[in-house]
PDB file of N, CA and C in Angstrom:
ATOM      1  N   MET A   1     -19.908  11.130  -7.103  1.00  0.00           N
ATOM      2  CA  MET A   1     -19.758  12.568  -7.125  1.00  0.00           C
ATOM      3  C   MET A   1     -20.445  13.192  -5.914  1.00  0.00           C
ATOM      4  N   GLU A   2     -21.617  12.686  -5.550  1.00  0.00           N
ATOM      5  CA  GLU A   2     -22.335  13.240  -4.402  1.00  0.00           C
ATOM      6  C   GLU A   2     -21.538  13.067  -3.117  1.00  0.00           C
ATOM      7  N   ILE A   3     -20.889  11.940  -2.969  1.00  0.00           N
ATOM      8  CA  ILE A   3     -20.067  11.698  -1.777  1.00  0.00           C
ATOM      9  C   ILE A   3     -18.931  12.712  -1.719  1.00  0.00           C
ATOM     10  N   MET A   4     -18.260  12.927  -2.849  1.00  0.00           N
ATOM     11  CA  MET A   4     -17.146  13.875  -2.860  1.00  0.00           C
ATOM     12  C   MET A   4     -17.642  15.295  -2.598  1.00  0.00           C
ATOM     13  N   ASP A   5     -18.786  15.665  -3.146  1.00  0.00           N
ATOM     14  CA  ASP A   5     -19.351  16.993  -2.884  1.00  0.00           C
ATOM     15  C   ASP A   5     -19.658  17.182  -1.403  1.00  0.00           C
ATOM     16  N   ASP A   6     -20.234  16.161  -0.783  1.00  0.00           N
ATOM     17  CA  ASP A   6     -20.588  16.257   0.635  1.00  0.00           C
ATOM     18  C   ASP A   6     -19.357  16.364   1.529  1.00  0.00           C
ATOM     19  N   ARG A   7     -18.283  15.695   1.173  1.00  0.00           N
ATOM     20  CA  ARG A   7     -17.103  15.637   2.030  1.00  0.00           C
ATOM     21  C   ARG A   7     -16.068  16.728   1.718  1.00  0.00           C
ATOM     22  N   HIS A   8     -16.107  17.290   0.527  1.00  0.00           N
ATOM     23  CA  HIS A   8     -15.082  18.235   0.066  1.00  0.00           C
ATOM     24  C   HIS A   8     -14.941  19.426   1.016  1.00  0.00           C
ATOM     25  N   GLY A   9     -13.736  19.589   1.541  1.00  0.00           N
ATOM     26  CA  GLY A   9     -13.428  20.731   2.392  1.00  0.00           C
ATOM     27  C   GLY A   9     -13.853  20.599   3.843  1.00  0.00           C
ATOM     28  N   THR A  10     -14.544  19.500   4.186  1.00  0.00           N
ATOM     29  CA  THR A  10     -15.011  19.361   5.566  1.00  0.00           C
ATOM     30  C   THR A  10     -14.562  18.072   6.237  1.00  0.00           C
ATOM     31  N   HIS A  11     -14.290  17.047   5.460  1.00  0.00           N
ATOM     32  CA  HIS A  11     -13.916  15.746   6.017  1.00  0.00           C
ATOM     33  C   HIS A  11     -12.740  15.153   5.234  1.00  0.00           C
ATOM     34  N   SER A  12     -11.997  14.303   5.895  1.00  0.00           N
ATOM     35  CA  SER A  12     -10.943  13.567   5.214  1.00  0.00           C
ATOM     36  C   SER A  12     -11.559  12.391   4.470  1.00  0.00           C
ATOM     37  N   THR A  13     -10.960  12.063   3.344  1.00  0.00           N
ATOM     38  CA  THR A  13     -11.416  10.928   2.556  1.00  0.00           C
ATOM     39  C   THR A  13     -10.200  10.135   2.123  1.00  0.00           C
ATOM     40  N   MET A  14     -10.215   8.840   2.383  1.00  0.00           N
ATOM     41  CA  MET A  14      -9.111   7.988   1.984  1.00  0.00           C
ATOM     42  C   MET A  14      -9.583   7.076   0.854  1.00  0.00           C
ATOM     43  N   ILE A  15      -8.833   7.082  -0.224  1.00  0.00           N
ATOM     44  CA  ILE A  15      -9.114   6.226  -1.373  1.00  0.00           C
ATOM     45  C   ILE A  15      -7.917   5.297  -1.541  1.00  0.00           C
ATOM     46  N   ILE A  16      -8.184   4.019  -1.642  1.00  0.00           N
ATOM     47  CA  ILE A  16      -7.132   3.031  -1.866  1.00  0.00           C
ATOM     48  C   ILE A  16      -7.480   2.303  -3.152  1.00  0.00           C
ATOM     49  N   SER A  17      -6.530   2.255  -4.072  1.00  0.00           N
ATOM     50  CA  SER A  17      -6.819   1.662  -5.371  1.00  0.00           C
ATOM     51  C   SER A  17      -5.598   0.937  -5.914  1.00  0.00           C
ATOM     52  N   GLN A  18      -5.850  -0.155  -6.591  1.00  0.00           N
ATOM     53  CA  GLN A  18      -4.776  -0.833  -7.310  1.00  0.00           C
ATOM     54  C   GLN A  18      -4.604  -0.230  -8.699  1.00  0.00           C
ATOM     55  N   LEU A  19      -5.538   0.605  -9.101  1.00  0.00           N
ATOM     56  CA  LEU A  19      -5.513   1.248 -10.407  1.00  0.00           C
ATOM     57  C   LEU A  19      -4.751   2.567 -10.295  1.00  0.00           C
ATOM     58  N   PRO A  20      -3.710   2.768 -11.085  1.00  0.00           N
ATOM     59  CA  PRO A  20      -2.970   4.033 -11.036  1.00  0.00           C
ATOM     60  C   PRO A  20      -3.880   5.209 -11.385  1.00  0.00           C
ATOM     61  N   THR A  21      -3.609   6.364 -10.784  1.00  0.00           N
ATOM     62  CA  THR A  21      -4.478   7.526 -10.977  1.00  0.00           C
ATOM     63  C   THR A  21      -4.565   7.960 -12.436  1.00  0.00           C
ATOM     64  N   ASP A  22      -3.538   7.721 -13.235  1.00  0.00           N
ATOM     65  CA  ASP A  22      -3.614   8.121 -14.642  1.00  0.00           C
ATOM     66  C   ASP A  22      -4.600   7.264 -15.433  1.00  0.00           C
ATOM     67  N   GLN A  23      -5.101   6.209 -14.841  1.00  0.00           N
ATOM     68  CA  GLN A  23      -6.095   5.352 -15.498  1.00  0.00           C
ATOM     69  C   GLN A  23      -7.507   5.572 -14.928  1.00  0.00           C
ATOM     70  N   TRP A  24      -7.655   6.475 -13.983  1.00  0.00           N
ATOM     71  CA  TRP A  24      -8.959   6.712 -13.364  1.00  0.00           C
ATOM     72  C   TRP A  24      -9.965   7.313 -14.342  1.00  0.00           C
ATOM     73  N   TYR A  25      -9.507   8.159 -15.259  1.00  0.00           N
ATOM     74  CA  TYR A  25     -10.429   8.745 -16.235  1.00  0.00           C
ATOM     75  C   TYR A  25     -11.121   7.656 -17.042  1.00  0.00           C
ATOM     76  N   ALA A  26     -10.355   6.700 -17.526  1.00  0.00           N
ATOM     77  CA  ALA A  26     -10.929   5.606 -18.314  1.00  0.00           C
ATOM     78  C   ALA A  26     -11.868   4.762 -17.463  1.00  0.00           C
ATOM     79  N   ALA A  27     -11.519   4.551 -16.197  1.00  0.00           N
ATOM     80  CA  ALA A  27     -12.354   3.725 -15.313  1.00  0.00           C
ATOM     81  C   ALA A  27     -13.676   4.431 -14.985  1.00  0.00           C
ATOM     82  N   ILE A  28     -13.640   5.754 -14.804  1.00  0.00           N
ATOM     83  CA  ILE A  28     -14.865   6.510 -14.501  1.00  0.00           C
ATOM     84  C   ILE A  28     -15.728   6.621 -15.752  1.00  0.00           C
ATOM     85  N   GLY A  29     -15.093   6.807 -16.901  1.00  0.00           N
ATOM     86  CA  GLY A  29     -15.822   6.792 -18.165  1.00  0.00           C
ATOM     87  C   GLY A  29     -16.252   8.141 -18.689  1.00  0.00           C
ATOM     88  N   ASP A  30     -16.720   9.021 -17.857  1.00  0.00           N
ATOM     89  CA  ASP A  30     -17.192  10.343 -18.260  1.00  0.00           C
ATOM     90  C   ASP A  30     -16.121  11.356 -17.856  1.00  0.00           C
ATOM     91  N   ASN A  31     -15.475  11.980 -18.855  1.00  0.00           N
ATOM     92  CA  ASN A  31     -14.355  12.884 -18.549  1.00  0.00           C
ATOM     93  C   ASN A  31     -14.763  14.086 -17.707  1.00  0.00           C
ATOM     94  N   THR A  32     -15.957  14.623 -17.912  1.00  0.00           N
ATOM     95  CA  THR A  32     -16.428  15.767 -17.124  1.00  0.00           C
ATOM     96  C   THR A  32     -16.609  15.363 -15.668  1.00  0.00           C
ATOM     97  N   LEU A  33     -17.232  14.224 -15.449  1.00  0.00           N
ATOM     98  CA  LEU A  33     -17.430  13.710 -14.095  1.00  0.00           C
ATOM     99  C   LEU A  33     -16.088  13.365 -13.453  1.00  0.00           C
ATOM    100  N   ALA A  34     -15.208  12.744 -14.223  1.00  0.00           N
ATOM    101  CA  ALA A  34     -13.875  12.398 -13.714  1.00  0.00           C
ATOM    102  C   ALA A  34     -13.112  13.651 -13.303  1.00  0.00           C
ATOM    103  N   ASP A  35     -13.176  14.713 -14.120  1.00  0.00           N
ATOM    104  CA  ASP A  35     -12.516  15.980 -13.769  1.00  0.00           C
ATOM    105  C   ASP A  35     -13.022  16.514 -12.441  1.00  0.00           C
ATOM    106  N   ALA A  36     -14.332  16.501 -12.250  1.00  0.00           N
ATOM    107  CA  ALA A  36     -14.921  17.028 -11.018  1.00  0.00           C
ATOM    108  C   ALA A  36     -14.500  16.194  -9.807  1.00  0.00           C
ATOM    109  N   ILE A  37     -14.565  14.890  -9.929  1.00  0.00           N
ATOM    110  CA  ILE A  37     -14.200  14.011  -8.815  1.00  0.00           C
ATOM    111  C   ILE A  37     -12.713  14.140  -8.491  1.00  0.00           C
ATOM    112  N   LEU A  38     -11.874  14.038  -9.517  1.00  0.00           N
ATOM    113  CA  LEU A  38     -10.429  14.075  -9.287  1.00  0.00           C
ATOM    114  C   LEU A  38      -9.957  15.443  -8.813  1.00  0.00           C
ATOM    115  N   ASP A  39     -10.611  16.504  -9.241  1.00  0.00           N
ATOM    116  CA  ASP A  39     -10.265  17.833  -8.741  1.00  0.00           C
ATOM    117  C   ASP A  39     -10.463  17.902  -7.234  1.00  0.00           C
ATOM    118  N   ARG A  40     -11.573  17.378  -6.755  1.00  0.00           N
ATOM    119  CA  ARG A  40     -11.853  17.393  -5.319  1.00  0.00           C
ATOM    120  C   ARG A  40     -10.935  16.449  -4.551  1.00  0.00           C
ATOM    121  N   LEU A  41     -10.620  15.324  -5.156  1.00  0.00           N
ATOM    122  CA  LEU A  41      -9.750  14.353  -4.486  1.00  0.00           C
ATOM    123  C   LEU A  41      -8.293  14.793  -4.423  1.00  0.00           C
ATOM    124  N   MET A  42      -7.768  15.298  -5.519  1.00  0.00           N
ATOM    125  CA  MET A  42      -6.327  15.520  -5.635  1.00  0.00           C
ATOM    126  C   MET A  42      -5.858  16.900  -5.193  1.00  0.00           C
ATOM    127  N   HIS A  43      -6.784  17.837  -4.982  1.00  0.00           N
ATOM    128  CA  HIS A  43      -6.391  19.223  -4.699  1.00  0.00           C
ATOM    129  C   HIS A  43      -5.463  19.326  -3.487  1.00  0.00           C
ATOM    130  N   ASN A  44      -5.809  18.751  -2.368  1.00  0.00           N
ATOM    131  CA  ASN A  44      -4.974  18.798  -1.166  1.00  0.00           C
ATOM    132  C   ASN A  44      -4.556  17.394  -0.731  1.00  0.00           C
ATOM    133  N   ALA A  45      -4.379  16.513  -1.692  1.00  0.00           N
ATOM    134  CA  ALA A  45      -4.141  15.102  -1.389  1.00  0.00           C
ATOM    135  C   ALA A  45      -2.696  14.826  -0.976  1.00  0.00           C
ATOM    136  N   HIS A  46      -2.565  13.845  -0.122  1.00  0.00           N
ATOM    137  CA  HIS A  46      -1.280  13.220   0.173  1.00  0.00           C
ATOM    138  C   HIS A  46      -1.318  11.890  -0.545  1.00  0.00           C
ATOM    139  N   ARG A  47      -0.345  11.633  -1.406  1.00  0.00           N
ATOM    140  CA  ARG A  47      -0.360  10.409  -2.206  1.00  0.00           C
ATOM    141  C   ARG A  47       0.865   9.564  -1.903  1.00  0.00           C
ATOM    142  N   TRP A  48       0.636   8.281  -1.788  1.00  0.00           N
ATOM    143  CA  TRP A  48       1.712   7.314  -1.614  1.00  0.00           C
ATOM    144  C   TRP A  48       1.589   6.267  -2.710  1.00  0.00           C
ATOM    145  N   ALA A  49       2.639   6.084  -3.441  1.00  0.00           N
ATOM    146  CA  ALA A  49       2.679   5.024  -4.449  1.00  0.00           C
ATOM    147  C   ALA A  49       3.512   3.887  -3.864  1.00  0.00           C
ATOM    148  N   LEU A  50       2.882   2.793  -3.612  1.00  0.00           N
ATOM    149  CA  LEU A  50       3.571   1.650  -3.025  1.00  0.00           C
ATOM    150  C   LEU A  50       4.244   0.840  -4.116  1.00  0.00           C
ATOM    151  N   LYS A  51       5.407   0.324  -3.799  1.00  0.00           N
ATOM    152  CA  LYS A  51       6.165  -0.484  -4.763  1.00  0.00           C
ATOM    153  C   LYS A  51       6.484  -1.819  -4.129  1.00  0.00           C
ATOM    154  N   GLY A  52       6.771  -2.758  -4.961  1.00  0.00           N
ATOM    155  CA  GLY A  52       7.139  -4.076  -4.465  1.00  0.00           C
ATOM    156  C   GLY A  52       6.143  -5.119  -4.915  1.00  0.00           C
ATOM    157  N   GLU A  53       6.452  -6.337  -4.569  1.00  0.00           N
ATOM    158  CA  GLU A  53       5.599  -7.441  -4.972  1.00  0.00           C
ATOM    159  C   GLU A  53       4.310  -7.468  -4.163  1.00  0.00           C
ATOM    160  N   SER A  54       3.318  -8.063  -4.754  1.00  0.00           N
ATOM    161  CA  SER A  54       2.039  -8.236  -4.093  1.00  0.00           C
ATOM    162  C   SER A  54       2.207  -9.123  -2.869  1.00  0.00           C
ATOM    163  N   MET A  55       1.553  -8.750  -1.779  1.00  0.00           N
ATOM    164  CA  MET A  55       1.589  -9.585  -0.569  1.00  0.00           C
ATOM    165  C   MET A  55       0.925 -10.936  -0.839  1.00  0.00           C
ATOM    166  N   ARG A  56      -0.065 -10.965  -1.702  1.00  0.00           N
ATOM    167  CA  ARG A  56      -0.700 -12.243  -2.051  1.00  0.00           C
ATOM    168  C   ARG A  56       0.311 -13.189  -2.666  1.00  0.00           C
ATOM    169  N   LYS A  57       1.117 -12.666  -3.571  1.00  0.00           N
ATOM    170  CA  LYS A  57       2.132 -13.495  -4.210  1.00  0.00           C
ATOM    171  C   LYS A  57       3.159 -13.974  -3.190  1.00  0.00           C
ATOM    172  N   ARG A  58       3.574 -13.078  -2.314  1.00  0.00           N
ATOM    173  CA  ARG A  58       4.574 -13.449  -1.296  1.00  0.00           C
ATOM    174  C   ARG A  58       4.023 -14.493  -0.337  1.00  0.00           C
ATOM    175  N   LEU A  59       2.737 -14.372   0.049  1.00  0.00           N
ATOM    176  CA  LEU A  59       2.136 -15.327   0.962  1.00  0.00           C
ATOM    177  C   LEU A  59       1.951 -16.685   0.309  1.00  0.00           C
ATOM    178  N   GLN A  60       1.689 -16.719  -1.001  1.00  0.00           N
ATOM    179  CA  GLN A  60       1.550 -17.985  -1.711  1.00  0.00           C
ATOM    180  C   GLN A  60       2.880 -18.737  -1.732  1.00  0.00           C
ATOM    181  N   GLU A  61       3.980 -18.019  -1.824  1.00  0.00           N
ATOM    182  CA  GLU A  61       5.296 -18.643  -1.837  1.00  0.00           C
ATOM    183  C   GLU A  61       5.611 -19.314  -0.505  1.00  0.00           C
ATOM    184  N   ILE A  62       5.067 -18.765   0.586  1.00  0.00           N
ATOM    185  CA  ILE A  62       5.313 -19.325   1.918  1.00  0.00           C
ATOM    186  C   ILE A  62       4.545 -20.636   2.099  1.00  0.00           C
ATOM    187  N   ASP A  63       3.321 -20.706   1.562  1.00  0.00           N
ATOM    188  CA  ASP A  63       2.494 -21.900   1.715  1.00  0.00           C
ATOM    189  C   ASP A  63       3.031 -23.056   0.988  1.00  0.00           C
TER     190      ASP A  63
END
């Protein structure tokens, strides 16, 4: 939360996650804290949802 407070509105922040955003509340655990963090993250966010097979799986098939 402190990191998001320090960066909010002044710096860009990139978050990369394998966990879908609808599961972030459960991962953070505290709904009040999750609301505060996600509000700062998602307000002006550009989001990309990547699709397709895992590169790890594809690379294992080549080996």
